[in-house]
């Protein structure tokens, strides 16, 4: 069975009503028969520090996603390779775009913008923001594109008041580093999901 970073598609599942931090179980598909990853987001942290592991026993740390600083209101998240500890890239919220539809930029280790993650539609984004419970009826969909890569990674969420799911597809054929694709997925379900629940 392929692991998280070898998979073309997978599903991340989060139970919304958690008191002591968020947990994300990553499965090979929607049947939830094969777990291929696990992530834990600690509660009451001044800055985000999310770890992604190969399994629920935390056998191998695959990725670390760290917010750059406590006062980093722009939302800059460093993606760090677990085994080597090397910085891979960063994902940063586009503040002006996020007023309308949610959008992030992908930045390489030299500080250059090399790609983006964008919400599917401005019209749908506005409806989700201003119509109560619209997110449950019209869940968010995002696309990651990286310059030089031949394809794209698609993130599609479904949610209800109890469970939040994010489907990830197209990783293998996209030409995008699967670690960056996985980090994008975890950020979307952890950060965007939290904002949706609060809204």
Protein backbone atom coordinates (compact mmCIF):
# COMPACT_ATOMS: atom_id res chain seq x y z
CA UNK A 1 0.00 0.00 0.00
CA UNK A 2 1.32 3.43 -0.94
CA UNK A 3 2.11 5.83 1.87
CA UNK A 4 0.88 9.40 2.09
CA UNK A 5 3.69 10.92 0.05
CA UNK A 6 3.42 8.22 -2.65
CA UNK A 7 -0.37 8.52 -3.09
CA UNK A 8 -2.11 10.25 -5.98
CA UNK A 9 -5.26 10.84 -3.94
CA UNK A 10 -6.37 10.56 -0.33
CA UNK A 11 -8.90 11.83 2.18
CA UNK A 12 -8.29 13.74 5.41
CA UNK A 13 -10.93 13.42 8.13
CA UNK A 14 -11.32 15.68 11.15
CA UNK A 15 -13.75 15.36 14.04
CA UNK A 16 -14.82 18.95 14.67
CA UNK A 17 -15.82 18.81 18.33
CA UNK A 18 -12.42 18.28 19.97
CA UNK A 19 -11.37 20.05 23.17
CA UNK A 20 -7.65 19.26 23.42
CA UNK A 21 -6.29 20.04 19.97
CA UNK A 22 -7.30 18.85 16.53
CA UNK A 23 -6.59 15.42 15.05
CA UNK A 24 -6.56 14.61 11.35
CA UNK A 25 -6.71 11.02 10.13
CA UNK A 26 -5.54 10.50 6.55
CA UNK A 27 -6.96 7.59 4.54
CA UNK A 28 -6.17 6.23 1.09
CA UNK A 29 -9.78 6.86 0.00
CA UNK A 30 -13.28 7.61 1.24
CA UNK A 31 -13.86 4.06 2.46
CA UNK A 32 -11.56 4.82 5.42
CA UNK A 33 -10.19 1.27 5.39
CA UNK A 34 -6.50 2.14 5.04
CA UNK A 35 -4.92 4.87 7.15
CA UNK A 36 -1.82 6.32 5.48
CA UNK A 37 -1.13 9.30 7.72
CA UNK A 38 -1.99 11.16 10.89
CA UNK A 39 -1.65 14.77 11.98
CA UNK A 40 -1.99 16.54 15.30
CA UNK A 41 -2.60 20.24 15.92
CA UNK A 42 -1.98 21.25 19.52
CA UNK A 43 -4.51 23.39 21.34
CA UNK A 44 -3.85 26.85 22.82
CA UNK A 45 -0.64 27.49 20.90
CA UNK A 46 0.43 31.09 20.23
CA UNK A 47 1.67 29.98 16.83
CA UNK A 48 0.76 26.91 14.83
CA UNK A 49 3.10 23.92 14.91
CA UNK A 50 1.45 21.01 13.10
CA UNK A 51 3.13 17.63 12.68
CA UNK A 52 2.26 15.04 10.03
CA UNK A 53 3.14 11.40 10.73
CA UNK A 54 3.09 8.14 8.82
CA UNK A 55 0.55 6.65 11.22
CA UNK A 56 -1.37 7.26 14.44
CA UNK A 57 1.50 5.80 16.48
CA UNK A 58 3.71 8.65 15.13
CA UNK A 59 6.25 6.14 13.84
CA UNK A 60 7.79 8.53 11.30
CA UNK A 61 7.41 12.31 11.23
CA UNK A 62 6.87 13.18 7.56
CA UNK A 63 6.31 16.92 7.75
CA UNK A 64 6.27 19.84 10.12
CA UNK A 65 4.21 22.95 9.38
CA UNK A 66 5.23 25.94 11.49
CA UNK A 67 3.85 29.46 11.65
CA UNK A 68 6.74 31.87 11.28
CA UNK A 69 6.06 33.96 14.38
CA UNK A 70 3.59 34.71 17.15
CA UNK A 71 2.70 38.08 15.62
CA UNK A 72 2.55 36.77 12.07
CA UNK A 73 -1.01 37.87 11.28
CA UNK A 74 -0.44 37.40 7.54
CA UNK A 75 -0.30 33.66 8.03
CA UNK A 76 3.11 32.51 6.80
CA UNK A 77 3.66 28.77 7.31
CA UNK A 78 7.01 27.07 6.81
CA UNK A 79 6.98 23.51 5.43
CA UNK A 80 9.78 21.40 6.89
CA UNK A 81 10.76 17.90 5.81
CA UNK A 82 10.43 15.62 8.84
CA UNK A 83 13.35 13.21 8.33
CA UNK A 84 15.92 15.82 7.27
CA UNK A 85 14.67 18.93 9.07
CA UNK A 86 15.21 20.96 5.90
CA UNK A 87 12.90 23.78 4.87
CA UNK A 88 11.05 22.87 1.66
CA UNK A 89 8.87 25.89 1.00
CA UNK A 90 6.39 28.25 2.66
CA UNK A 91 2.69 28.85 2.18
CA UNK A 92 1.41 32.36 2.89
CA UNK A 93 -2.10 33.79 2.80
CA UNK A 94 -2.79 36.48 0.19
CA UNK A 95 -4.47 39.02 2.47
CA UNK A 96 -6.24 41.16 -0.13
CA UNK A 97 -7.52 38.20 -2.15
CA UNK A 98 -8.70 36.53 1.04
CA UNK A 99 -11.25 39.28 1.59
CA UNK A 100 -13.11 37.90 -1.43
CA UNK A 101 -12.00 34.35 -2.03
CA UNK A 102 -9.36 32.52 -0.06
CA UNK A 103 -5.98 32.41 -1.73
CA UNK A 104 -2.46 31.44 -0.69
CA UNK A 105 0.91 31.77 -2.37
CA UNK A 106 3.61 29.11 -2.38
CA UNK A 107 7.10 30.51 -1.78
CA UNK A 108 10.37 28.66 -2.36
CA UNK A 109 13.35 28.64 0.00
CA UNK A 110 14.80 31.72 -1.75
CA UNK A 111 11.69 33.78 -1.05
CA UNK A 112 10.30 33.64 -4.59
CA UNK A 113 6.60 33.12 -5.24
CA UNK A 114 6.39 29.93 -7.32
CA UNK A 115 2.75 28.92 -7.07
CA UNK A 116 -0.62 29.43 -5.44
CA UNK A 117 -3.63 27.78 -3.85
CA UNK A 118 -6.90 29.45 -4.81
CA UNK A 119 -10.56 28.96 -4.01
CA UNK A 120 -12.69 27.84 -6.93
CA UNK A 121 -15.01 30.81 -7.50
CA UNK A 122 -15.33 34.39 -6.25
CA UNK A 123 -19.12 34.24 -6.50
CA UNK A 124 -19.38 31.04 -4.49
CA UNK A 125 -16.82 32.35 -2.00
CA UNK A 126 -18.95 35.42 -1.28
CA UNK A 127 -22.06 33.28 -0.83
CA UNK A 128 -20.20 31.03 1.62
CA UNK A 129 -19.11 34.03 3.65
CA UNK A 130 -22.39 35.88 3.90
CA UNK A 131 -25.14 33.24 3.71
CA UNK A 132 -25.59 31.25 6.95
CA UNK A 133 -24.75 27.53 6.62
CA UNK A 134 -23.89 27.96 2.91
CA UNK A 135 -20.56 26.20 3.48
CA UNK A 136 -22.41 22.99 4.31
CA UNK A 137 -24.39 23.19 1.06
CA UNK A 138 -21.62 24.54 -1.17
CA UNK A 139 -18.32 23.30 0.29
CA UNK A 140 -15.06 24.97 -0.66
CA UNK A 141 -12.89 23.68 -3.47
CA UNK A 142 -9.27 24.75 -3.95
CA UNK A 143 -6.64 24.21 -6.63
CA UNK A 144 -2.86 24.24 -6.16
CA UNK A 145 -0.69 25.20 -9.14
CA UNK A 146 3.09 25.50 -9.17
CA UNK A 147 5.11 27.15 -11.92
CA UNK A 148 6.90 24.57 -14.03
CA UNK A 149 4.59 21.75 -12.93
CA UNK A 150 2.46 20.18 -15.65
CA UNK A 151 -0.72 19.70 -13.63
CA UNK A 152 -2.59 20.72 -10.51
CA UNK A 153 -3.72 19.32 -7.17
CA UNK A 154 -7.42 19.62 -6.33
CA UNK A 155 -8.76 19.91 -2.78
CA UNK A 156 -12.50 19.35 -2.26
CA UNK A 157 -14.09 19.56 1.16
CA UNK A 158 -17.32 18.29 2.64
CA UNK A 159 -18.41 19.15 6.14
CA UNK A 160 -21.17 19.00 8.68
CA UNK A 161 -21.24 20.19 12.31
CA UNK A 162 -19.48 17.00 13.46
CA UNK A 163 -17.07 15.83 10.73
CA UNK A 164 -14.93 17.74 8.23
CA UNK A 165 -13.44 15.88 5.25
CA UNK A 166 -11.00 17.02 2.58
CA UNK A 167 -10.45 15.01 -0.60
CA UNK A 168 -7.08 15.48 -2.31
CA UNK A 169 -6.57 14.36 -5.91
CA UNK A 170 -4.15 14.62 -8.82
CA UNK A 171 -0.92 14.64 -6.80
CA UNK A 172 1.12 12.09 -8.78
CA UNK A 173 0.38 13.57 -12.19
CA UNK A 174 0.68 17.19 -11.13
CA UNK A 175 4.47 17.41 -11.04
CA UNK A 176 4.14 19.11 -7.63
CA UNK A 177 6.25 17.98 -4.68
CA UNK A 178 3.88 15.69 -2.72
CA UNK A 179 5.15 17.17 0.54
CA UNK A 180 3.98 20.64 -0.52
CA UNK A 181 0.66 19.18 -1.71
CA UNK A 182 0.16 17.42 1.64
CA UNK A 183 1.10 20.52 3.63
CA UNK A 184 -1.41 22.52 1.61
CA UNK A 185 -4.10 19.98 2.42
CA UNK A 186 -3.40 20.02 6.16
CA UNK A 187 -3.39 23.82 6.23
CA UNK A 188 -6.68 24.02 4.36
CA UNK A 189 -8.50 21.63 6.67
CA UNK A 190 -6.86 23.00 9.84
CA UNK A 191 -6.90 26.75 9.17
CA UNK A 192 -9.75 27.25 6.71
CA UNK A 193 -11.85 24.68 8.55
CA UNK A 194 -11.35 26.50 11.84
CA UNK A 195 -12.44 29.80 10.27
CA UNK A 196 -15.51 28.19 8.73
CA UNK A 197 -16.54 26.69 12.06
CA UNK A 198 -16.07 30.04 13.76
CA UNK A 199 -18.09 31.82 11.07
